């Protein structure tokens, strides 16, 4: 289906859904549903403990208590994912502008979301009836890197790229 023909609100909704991602064991990328569930549960807990400061309220998933270190890791991953998304979107817009072409921010964001989340086509220039052929080589390299870190997860790749990992 050519969702480039959909209304703007429907396209924005689809871009938003690209961040949700698949289930925990899914090969689909993005942030994953289980992380969003834990984020929502921790936000609810924070509201509850703000009202009741003496309460002890562990976050549970499927009856099991989620370790606070795991919760911090989920927040770190989500923030890093968003940072990579916004920085890469800006870099793609600037890189396309550098070669004298125009690319609307929405289309650049959809290209980055599609590659970082490994979730399929974007909108406009990278829509379902188009491809990434017109992007400069530097943008293609950036989006290839985004696909790599999106598929392997951001934190393990960042650890792999740190010099201290290779010294131990």
N, C-alpha and C. Protein backbone atom coordinates (compact mmCIF):
# COMPACT_ATOMS: atom_id res chain seq x y z
N UNK A 1 0.84 -1.17 0.00
CA UNK A 1 0.00 0.00 0.00
C UNK A 1 0.89 1.24 0.00
N UNK A 2 0.52 2.22 -0.76
CA UNK A 2 1.26 3.46 -0.82
C UNK A 2 0.73 4.40 0.26
N UNK A 3 1.36 4.36 1.44
CA UNK A 3 0.88 5.23 2.53
C UNK A 3 1.33 6.66 2.37
N UNK A 4 2.02 6.97 1.28
CA UNK A 4 2.29 8.38 0.96
C UNK A 4 1.00 9.10 0.60
N UNK A 5 -0.01 8.34 0.21
CA UNK A 5 -1.29 8.95 -0.16
C UNK A 5 -2.21 9.13 1.04
N UNK A 6 -1.81 8.65 2.20
CA UNK A 6 -2.62 8.79 3.40
C UNK A 6 -2.62 10.24 3.87
N UNK A 7 -3.53 10.55 4.76
CA UNK A 7 -3.60 11.90 5.32
C UNK A 7 -2.39 12.15 6.22
N UNK A 8 -2.09 13.42 6.45
CA UNK A 8 -0.95 13.78 7.30
C UNK A 8 -1.07 13.19 8.70
N UNK A 9 -2.25 13.28 9.37
CA UNK A 9 -2.33 12.67 10.71
C UNK A 9 -2.06 11.16 10.70
N UNK A 10 -2.50 10.48 9.67
CA UNK A 10 -2.26 9.03 9.58
C UNK A 10 -0.77 8.76 9.39
N UNK A 11 -0.10 9.58 8.60
CA UNK A 11 1.34 9.41 8.41
C UNK A 11 2.11 9.69 9.70
N UNK A 12 1.72 10.74 10.42
CA UNK A 12 2.39 11.03 11.70
C UNK A 12 2.16 9.89 12.70
N UNK A 13 0.95 9.33 12.69
CA UNK A 13 0.68 8.20 13.58
C UNK A 13 1.57 7.01 13.21
N UNK A 14 1.71 6.74 11.92
CA UNK A 14 2.55 5.63 11.49
C UNK A 14 4.02 5.88 11.86
N UNK A 15 4.48 7.12 11.75
CA UNK A 15 5.85 7.44 12.19
C UNK A 15 5.99 7.19 13.69
N UNK A 16 4.99 7.59 14.47
CA UNK A 16 5.01 7.35 15.91
C UNK A 16 5.08 5.85 16.21
N UNK A 17 4.31 5.06 15.49
CA UNK A 17 4.27 3.61 15.71
C UNK A 17 5.61 2.96 15.37
N UNK A 18 6.39 3.60 14.48
CA UNK A 18 7.71 3.06 14.15
C UNK A 18 8.62 2.99 15.37
N UNK A 19 8.34 3.79 16.39
CA UNK A 19 9.16 3.79 17.60
C UNK A 19 8.75 2.71 18.58
N UNK A 20 7.55 2.22 18.48
CA UNK A 20 7.08 1.20 19.41
C UNK A 20 7.81 -0.11 19.16
N UNK A 21 7.86 -0.54 17.91
CA UNK A 21 8.61 -1.74 17.58
C UNK A 21 7.86 -3.01 17.84
N UNK A 22 8.59 -4.10 17.80
CA UNK A 22 8.00 -5.42 17.94
C UNK A 22 7.99 -5.91 19.37
N UNK A 23 7.62 -7.15 19.52
CA UNK A 23 7.61 -7.78 20.84
C UNK A 23 9.04 -8.12 21.25
N UNK A 24 9.19 -8.56 22.49
CA UNK A 24 10.52 -8.79 23.05
C UNK A 24 11.36 -9.77 22.24
N UNK A 25 10.79 -10.84 21.76
CA UNK A 25 11.56 -11.82 21.01
C UNK A 25 11.53 -11.60 19.51
N UNK A 26 10.95 -10.52 19.07
CA UNK A 26 10.77 -10.23 17.66
C UNK A 26 12.06 -9.79 17.00
N UNK A 27 12.17 -10.05 15.71
CA UNK A 27 13.32 -9.54 14.95
C UNK A 27 13.10 -8.09 14.54
N UNK A 28 11.89 -7.59 14.75
CA UNK A 28 11.62 -6.18 14.48
C UNK A 28 12.42 -5.30 15.43
N UNK A 29 12.81 -4.17 14.96
CA UNK A 29 13.65 -3.30 15.77
C UNK A 29 12.87 -2.32 16.60
N UNK A 30 13.38 -1.12 16.69
CA UNK A 30 12.82 -0.01 17.47
C UNK A 30 12.99 -0.28 18.96
N UNK A 31 12.18 0.37 19.75
CA UNK A 31 12.39 0.33 21.20
C UNK A 31 11.80 -0.93 21.83
N UNK A 32 10.85 -1.54 21.24
CA UNK A 32 10.18 -2.78 21.67
C UNK A 32 9.09 -2.49 22.69
N UNK A 33 8.03 -3.24 22.58
CA UNK A 33 6.84 -3.05 23.41
C UNK A 33 7.14 -3.27 24.88
N UNK A 34 7.94 -4.29 25.21
CA UNK A 34 8.20 -4.60 26.61
C UNK A 34 8.90 -3.43 27.31
N UNK A 35 9.78 -2.73 26.60
CA UNK A 35 10.43 -1.57 27.21
C UNK A 35 9.41 -0.47 27.47
N UNK A 36 8.51 -0.24 26.53
CA UNK A 36 7.48 0.79 26.75
C UNK A 36 6.58 0.42 27.93
N UNK A 37 6.25 -0.87 28.07
CA UNK A 37 5.42 -1.31 29.20
C UNK A 37 6.14 -1.01 30.51
N UNK A 38 7.43 -1.31 30.58
CA UNK A 38 8.19 -1.06 31.81
C UNK A 38 8.32 0.44 32.07
N UNK A 39 8.53 1.23 31.03
CA UNK A 39 8.59 2.69 31.20
C UNK A 39 7.27 3.21 31.76
N UNK A 40 6.16 2.76 31.22
CA UNK A 40 4.84 3.21 31.71
C UNK A 40 4.64 2.78 33.16
N UNK A 41 5.03 1.54 33.48
CA UNK A 41 4.88 1.06 34.86
C UNK A 41 5.77 1.86 35.83
N UNK A 42 6.98 2.21 35.41
CA UNK A 42 7.83 2.99 36.31
C UNK A 42 7.32 4.42 36.45
N UNK A 43 6.75 4.98 35.41
CA UNK A 43 6.13 6.31 35.53
C UNK A 43 4.95 6.28 36.50
N UNK A 44 4.13 5.24 36.40
CA UNK A 44 3.02 5.08 37.35
C UNK A 44 3.54 4.94 38.77
N UNK A 45 4.61 4.15 38.93
CA UNK A 45 5.20 3.97 40.26
C UNK A 45 5.70 5.30 40.81
N UNK A 46 6.36 6.10 39.97
CA UNK A 46 6.87 7.39 40.42
C UNK A 46 5.74 8.32 40.86
N UNK A 47 4.65 8.31 40.14
CA UNK A 47 3.49 9.11 40.56
C UNK A 47 2.96 8.62 41.90
N UNK A 48 2.87 7.29 42.05
CA UNK A 48 2.36 6.71 43.30
C UNK A 48 3.28 7.03 44.47
N UNK A 49 4.59 6.87 44.27
CA UNK A 49 5.52 7.11 45.38
C UNK A 49 5.69 8.60 45.68
N UNK A 50 5.35 9.45 44.74
CA UNK A 50 5.34 10.89 45.01
C UNK A 50 4.19 11.23 45.96
N UNK A 51 3.07 10.58 45.77
CA UNK A 51 1.92 10.79 46.65
C UNK A 51 2.13 10.08 47.98
N UNK A 52 2.72 8.89 47.93
CA UNK A 52 2.95 8.06 49.12
C UNK A 52 4.45 7.80 49.25
N UNK A 53 5.22 8.74 49.80
CA UNK A 53 6.69 8.62 49.81
C UNK A 53 7.22 7.43 50.61
N UNK A 54 6.47 6.91 51.55
CA UNK A 54 6.95 5.78 52.36
C UNK A 54 6.67 4.43 51.70
N UNK A 55 5.92 4.43 50.62
CA UNK A 55 5.53 3.18 49.97
C UNK A 55 6.72 2.54 49.25
N UNK A 56 6.75 1.22 49.29
CA UNK A 56 7.72 0.46 48.52
C UNK A 56 6.92 -0.22 47.41
N UNK A 57 7.20 0.15 46.19
CA UNK A 57 6.40 -0.31 45.07
C UNK A 57 7.30 -0.79 43.94
N UNK A 58 7.67 -2.08 43.96
CA UNK A 58 8.53 -2.58 42.89
C UNK A 58 7.76 -2.66 41.57
N UNK A 59 8.48 -2.56 40.49
CA UNK A 59 7.87 -2.70 39.16
C UNK A 59 7.83 -4.18 38.84
N UNK A 60 6.67 -4.64 38.45
CA UNK A 60 6.49 -6.06 38.14
C UNK A 60 6.10 -6.22 36.68
N UNK A 61 6.57 -7.31 36.11
CA UNK A 61 6.20 -7.68 34.75
C UNK A 61 5.94 -9.17 34.75
N UNK A 62 4.72 -9.55 34.49
CA UNK A 62 4.36 -10.96 34.51
C UNK A 62 4.54 -11.58 35.87
N UNK A 63 4.32 -10.81 36.93
CA UNK A 63 4.45 -11.31 38.29
C UNK A 63 5.87 -11.26 38.84
N UNK A 64 6.85 -11.03 38.01
CA UNK A 64 8.24 -10.95 38.46
C UNK A 64 8.65 -9.50 38.68
N UNK A 65 9.47 -9.29 39.71
CA UNK A 65 9.97 -7.94 40.00
C UNK A 65 11.11 -7.63 39.04
N UNK A 66 11.03 -6.45 38.45
CA UNK A 66 12.07 -5.99 37.53
C UNK A 66 13.15 -5.29 38.34
N UNK A 67 14.39 -5.70 38.15
CA UNK A 67 15.54 -5.12 38.85
C UNK A 67 15.70 -3.65 38.47
N UNK A 68 16.06 -2.82 39.45
CA UNK A 68 16.23 -1.39 39.21
C UNK A 68 17.34 -1.12 38.19
N UNK A 69 18.35 -1.95 38.17
CA UNK A 69 19.42 -1.79 37.18
C UNK A 69 18.88 -2.01 35.77
N UNK A 70 18.00 -2.98 35.61
CA UNK A 70 17.38 -3.23 34.30
C UNK A 70 16.51 -2.05 33.88
N UNK A 71 15.80 -1.46 34.84
CA UNK A 71 14.97 -0.30 34.54
C UNK A 71 15.83 0.87 34.09
N UNK A 72 16.94 1.10 34.79
CA UNK A 72 17.87 2.17 34.36
C UNK A 72 18.39 1.89 32.96
N UNK A 73 18.71 0.66 32.66
CA UNK A 73 19.19 0.28 31.33
C UNK A 73 18.15 0.56 30.25
N UNK A 74 16.90 0.32 30.58
CA UNK A 74 15.82 0.59 29.63
C UNK A 74 15.71 2.09 29.37
N UNK A 75 15.80 2.88 30.42
CA UNK A 75 15.76 4.34 30.24
C UNK A 75 16.96 4.84 29.45
N UNK A 76 18.14 4.30 29.74
CA UNK A 76 19.34 4.71 29.01
C UNK A 76 19.19 4.34 27.53
N UNK A 77 18.74 3.14 27.26
CA UNK A 77 18.55 2.71 25.88
C UNK A 77 17.56 3.63 25.15
N UNK A 78 16.45 3.93 25.79
CA UNK A 78 15.42 4.76 25.16
C UNK A 78 15.94 6.17 24.88
N UNK A 79 16.66 6.74 25.84
CA UNK A 79 17.22 8.08 25.62
C UNK A 79 18.25 8.04 24.49
N UNK A 80 19.13 7.04 24.50
CA UNK A 80 20.13 6.92 23.43
C UNK A 80 19.45 6.73 22.07
N UNK A 81 18.40 5.94 22.03
CA UNK A 81 17.66 5.72 20.79
C UNK A 81 17.14 7.05 20.25
N UNK A 82 16.54 7.85 21.13
CA UNK A 82 16.00 9.14 20.71
C UNK A 82 17.12 10.10 20.29
N UNK A 83 18.24 10.09 21.01
CA UNK A 83 19.36 10.96 20.64
C UNK A 83 19.88 10.56 19.26
N UNK A 84 20.09 9.27 19.04
CA UNK A 84 20.53 8.82 17.72
C UNK A 84 19.53 9.22 16.65
N UNK A 85 18.25 9.09 16.94
CA UNK A 85 17.22 9.44 15.97
C UNK A 85 17.29 10.92 15.59
N UNK A 86 17.31 11.81 16.59
CA UNK A 86 17.29 13.23 16.30
C UNK A 86 18.59 13.71 15.65
N UNK A 87 19.72 13.25 16.14
CA UNK A 87 21.01 13.65 15.56
C UNK A 87 21.12 13.14 14.12
N UNK A 88 20.76 11.88 13.89
CA UNK A 88 20.85 11.32 12.54
C UNK A 88 19.88 12.02 11.59
N UNK A 89 18.69 12.36 12.07
CA UNK A 89 17.74 13.09 11.22
C UNK A 89 18.33 14.42 10.79
N UNK A 90 18.93 15.13 11.71
CA UNK A 90 19.56 16.40 11.40
C UNK A 90 20.71 16.21 10.41
N UNK A 91 21.54 15.20 10.64
CA UNK A 91 22.67 14.93 9.74
C UNK A 91 22.21 14.59 8.33
N UNK A 92 21.13 13.83 8.21
CA UNK A 92 20.62 13.48 6.88
C UNK A 92 20.11 14.72 6.16
N UNK A 93 19.36 15.57 6.86
CA UNK A 93 18.86 16.80 6.24
C UNK A 93 20.02 17.68 5.77
N UNK A 94 21.02 17.85 6.62
CA UNK A 94 22.17 18.68 6.27
C UNK A 94 22.96 18.06 5.11
N UNK A 95 23.12 16.73 5.13
CA UNK A 95 23.88 16.06 4.08
C UNK A 95 23.17 16.17 2.73
N UNK A 96 21.88 16.01 2.71
CA UNK A 96 21.12 16.14 1.46
C UNK A 96 21.15 17.60 0.99
N UNK A 97 21.05 18.53 1.91
CA UNK A 97 21.13 19.95 1.57
C UNK A 97 22.51 20.28 1.00
N UNK A 98 23.55 19.62 1.53
CA UNK A 98 24.94 19.85 1.09
C UNK A 98 25.12 19.58 -0.39
N UNK A 99 24.41 18.60 -0.93
CA UNK A 99 24.54 18.28 -2.35
C UNK A 99 23.54 19.05 -3.21
N UNK A 100 22.81 19.97 -2.60
CA UNK A 100 21.91 20.84 -3.36
C UNK A 100 20.51 20.31 -3.55
N UNK A 101 20.13 19.29 -2.80
CA UNK A 101 18.76 18.77 -2.90
C UNK A 101 17.96 19.21 -1.69
N UNK A 102 16.66 19.11 -1.80
CA UNK A 102 15.76 19.41 -0.69
C UNK A 102 15.15 18.12 -0.17
N UNK A 103 15.08 17.98 1.13
CA UNK A 103 14.42 16.84 1.75
C UNK A 103 13.68 17.37 2.96
N UNK A 104 12.35 17.29 2.94
CA UNK A 104 11.61 17.76 4.11
C UNK A 104 12.02 17.00 5.37
N UNK A 105 11.97 17.68 6.49
CA UNK A 105 12.38 17.08 7.77
C UNK A 105 11.58 15.81 8.06
N UNK A 106 10.29 15.81 7.74
CA UNK A 106 9.45 14.64 7.99
C UNK A 106 9.97 13.42 7.22
N UNK A 107 10.38 13.62 5.97
CA UNK A 107 10.89 12.52 5.17
C UNK A 107 12.24 12.03 5.70
N UNK A 108 13.08 12.97 6.14
CA UNK A 108 14.37 12.57 6.72
C UNK A 108 14.14 11.79 8.01
N UNK A 109 13.20 12.26 8.83
CA UNK A 109 12.91 11.56 10.08
C UNK A 109 12.35 10.17 9.79
N UNK A 110 11.53 10.04 8.77
CA UNK A 110 10.98 8.72 8.46
C UNK A 110 12.07 7.79 7.92
N UNK A 111 13.03 8.33 7.16
CA UNK A 111 14.13 7.50 6.67
C UNK A 111 14.99 7.01 7.84
N UNK A 112 15.25 7.90 8.78
CA UNK A 112 16.06 7.52 9.95
C UNK A 112 15.29 6.55 10.83
N UNK A 113 14.01 6.80 11.06
CA UNK A 113 13.21 5.88 11.88
C UNK A 113 13.12 4.50 11.23
N UNK A 114 12.99 4.47 9.91
CA UNK A 114 12.89 3.18 9.21
C UNK A 114 14.20 2.41 9.29
N UNK A 115 15.33 3.12 9.18
CA UNK A 115 16.61 2.41 9.21
C UNK A 115 17.04 2.07 10.63
N UNK A 116 16.89 2.99 11.55
CA UNK A 116 17.28 2.74 12.94
C UNK A 116 16.41 1.65 13.56
N UNK A 117 15.12 1.67 13.25
CA UNK A 117 14.22 0.67 13.80
C UNK A 117 14.09 -0.57 12.96
N UNK A 118 14.70 -0.58 11.76
CA UNK A 118 14.55 -1.71 10.84
C UNK A 118 13.09 -2.09 10.67
N UNK A 119 12.26 -1.07 10.38
CA UNK A 119 10.82 -1.29 10.35
C UNK A 119 10.19 -1.12 8.97
N UNK A 120 10.99 -0.98 7.93
CA UNK A 120 10.42 -0.89 6.60
C UNK A 120 10.58 0.48 5.98
N UNK A 121 9.75 0.79 4.99
CA UNK A 121 9.90 2.05 4.26
C UNK A 121 9.46 3.25 5.07
N UNK A 122 9.94 4.41 4.64
CA UNK A 122 9.54 5.67 5.26
C UNK A 122 8.48 6.35 4.41
N UNK A 123 8.56 7.67 4.35
CA UNK A 123 7.59 8.45 3.59
C UNK A 123 8.29 9.26 2.52
N UNK A 124 7.54 9.69 1.54
CA UNK A 124 8.06 10.57 0.51
C UNK A 124 9.16 9.91 -0.30
N UNK A 125 10.36 10.48 -0.24
CA UNK A 125 11.49 10.00 -1.03
C UNK A 125 11.87 8.56 -0.70
N UNK A 126 11.53 8.09 0.48
CA UNK A 126 11.84 6.71 0.86
C UNK A 126 10.57 5.91 1.14
N UNK A 127 9.49 6.34 0.52
CA UNK A 127 8.20 5.68 0.71
C UNK A 127 8.18 4.29 0.09
N UNK A 128 7.04 3.63 0.17
CA UNK A 128 6.93 2.25 -0.30
C UNK A 128 7.10 2.10 -1.81
N UNK A 129 6.92 3.18 -2.55
CA UNK A 129 7.09 3.11 -4.00
C UNK A 129 8.41 3.74 -4.45
N UNK A 130 9.29 4.07 -3.50
CA UNK A 130 10.56 4.72 -3.80
C UNK A 130 11.69 3.95 -3.11
N UNK A 131 12.89 4.55 -3.10
CA UNK A 131 14.03 3.89 -2.46
C UNK A 131 15.04 4.94 -1.99
N UNK A 132 16.17 4.48 -1.51
CA UNK A 132 17.20 5.36 -0.94
C UNK A 132 18.26 5.75 -1.96
N UNK A 133 18.02 5.49 -3.22
CA UNK A 133 19.01 5.70 -4.27
C UNK A 133 19.48 7.15 -4.38
N UNK A 134 18.62 8.13 -4.19
CA UNK A 134 18.98 9.53 -4.39
C UNK A 134 19.73 10.16 -3.22
N UNK A 135 19.92 9.42 -2.15
CA UNK A 135 20.66 9.97 -1.00
C UNK A 135 22.15 9.98 -1.31
N UNK A 136 22.89 10.95 -0.76
CA UNK A 136 24.34 10.93 -0.93
C UNK A 136 24.96 9.71 -0.24
N UNK A 137 26.13 9.35 -0.67
CA UNK A 137 26.81 8.17 -0.11
C UNK A 137 27.01 8.30 1.39
N UNK A 138 27.28 9.52 1.88
CA UNK A 138 27.49 9.70 3.31
C UNK A 138 26.21 9.42 4.10
N UNK A 139 25.08 9.82 3.57
CA UNK A 139 23.80 9.52 4.24
C UNK A 139 23.52 8.03 4.21
N UNK A 140 23.85 7.40 3.09
CA UNK A 140 23.64 5.94 3.00
C UNK A 140 24.53 5.21 4.01
N UNK A 141 25.77 5.67 4.17
CA UNK A 141 26.65 5.07 5.18
C UNK A 141 26.09 5.27 6.59
N UNK A 142 25.60 6.48 6.86
CA UNK A 142 25.00 6.75 8.17
C UNK A 142 23.81 5.84 8.40
N UNK A 143 22.94 5.70 7.41
CA UNK A 143 21.75 4.87 7.58
C UNK A 143 22.11 3.39 7.66
N UNK A 144 23.20 2.98 7.01
CA UNK A 144 23.68 1.61 7.16
C UNK A 144 24.14 1.37 8.60
N UNK A 145 24.87 2.34 9.15
CA UNK A 145 25.28 2.26 10.55
C UNK A 145 24.06 2.21 11.47
N UNK A 146 23.03 3.02 11.16
CA UNK A 146 21.81 3.01 11.97
C UNK A 146 21.13 1.66 11.91
N UNK A 147 21.09 1.04 10.73
CA UNK A 147 20.49 -0.30 10.63
C UNK A 147 21.27 -1.30 11.47
N UNK A 148 22.58 -1.17 11.46
CA UNK A 148 23.43 -2.07 12.21
C UNK A 148 23.19 -1.93 13.71
N UNK A 149 23.23 -0.69 14.22
CA UNK A 149 23.03 -0.53 15.66
C UNK A 149 21.58 -0.77 16.06
N UNK A 150 20.66 -0.53 15.13
CA UNK A 150 19.25 -0.81 15.43
C UNK A 150 18.97 -2.29 15.53
N UNK A 151 19.66 -3.06 14.75
CA UNK A 151 19.44 -4.51 14.75
C UNK A 151 20.18 -5.19 15.90
N UNK A 152 21.39 -4.72 16.19
CA UNK A 152 22.19 -5.36 17.23
C UNK A 152 21.95 -4.77 18.62
N UNK A 153 21.21 -3.69 18.70
CA UNK A 153 20.97 -2.92 19.92
C UNK A 153 22.09 -1.91 20.12
N UNK A 154 21.75 -0.76 20.62
CA UNK A 154 22.67 0.36 20.72
C UNK A 154 23.77 0.12 21.76
N UNK A 155 23.39 -0.29 22.95
CA UNK A 155 24.37 -0.41 24.03
C UNK A 155 25.48 -1.43 23.72
N UNK A 156 25.18 -2.64 23.24
CA UNK A 156 26.28 -3.56 22.93
C UNK A 156 27.22 -3.01 21.86
N UNK A 157 26.67 -2.29 20.87
CA UNK A 157 27.52 -1.72 19.82
C UNK A 157 28.41 -0.63 20.40
N UNK A 158 27.83 0.22 21.26
CA UNK A 158 28.64 1.27 21.87
C UNK A 158 29.74 0.68 22.75
N UNK A 159 29.42 -0.39 23.47
CA UNK A 159 30.45 -1.06 24.28
C UNK A 159 31.53 -1.62 23.37
N UNK A 160 31.12 -2.21 22.26
CA UNK A 160 32.07 -2.78 21.31
C UNK A 160 32.99 -1.71 20.74
N UNK A 161 32.51 -0.49 20.62
CA UNK A 161 33.29 0.59 20.04
C UNK A 161 34.15 1.35 21.06
N UNK A 162 34.09 0.99 22.32
CA UNK A 162 34.92 1.67 23.33
C UNK A 162 36.28 1.00 23.43
N UNK A 163 37.34 1.80 23.51
CA UNK A 163 38.69 1.22 23.60
C UNK A 163 38.89 0.36 24.86
N UNK A 164 38.27 0.73 25.96
CA UNK A 164 38.48 -0.04 27.18
C UNK A 164 37.95 -1.47 27.08
N UNK A 165 36.97 -1.70 26.22
CA UNK A 165 36.47 -3.05 26.01
C UNK A 165 37.56 -3.95 25.41
N UNK A 166 38.36 -3.40 24.53
CA UNK A 166 39.37 -4.18 23.84
C UNK A 166 40.64 -4.36 24.67
N UNK A 167 40.81 -3.56 25.72
CA UNK A 167 41.99 -3.69 26.58
C UNK A 167 41.86 -4.79 27.62
N UNK A 168 40.64 -5.16 27.96
CA UNK A 168 40.46 -6.17 29.02
C UNK A 168 40.55 -7.57 28.49
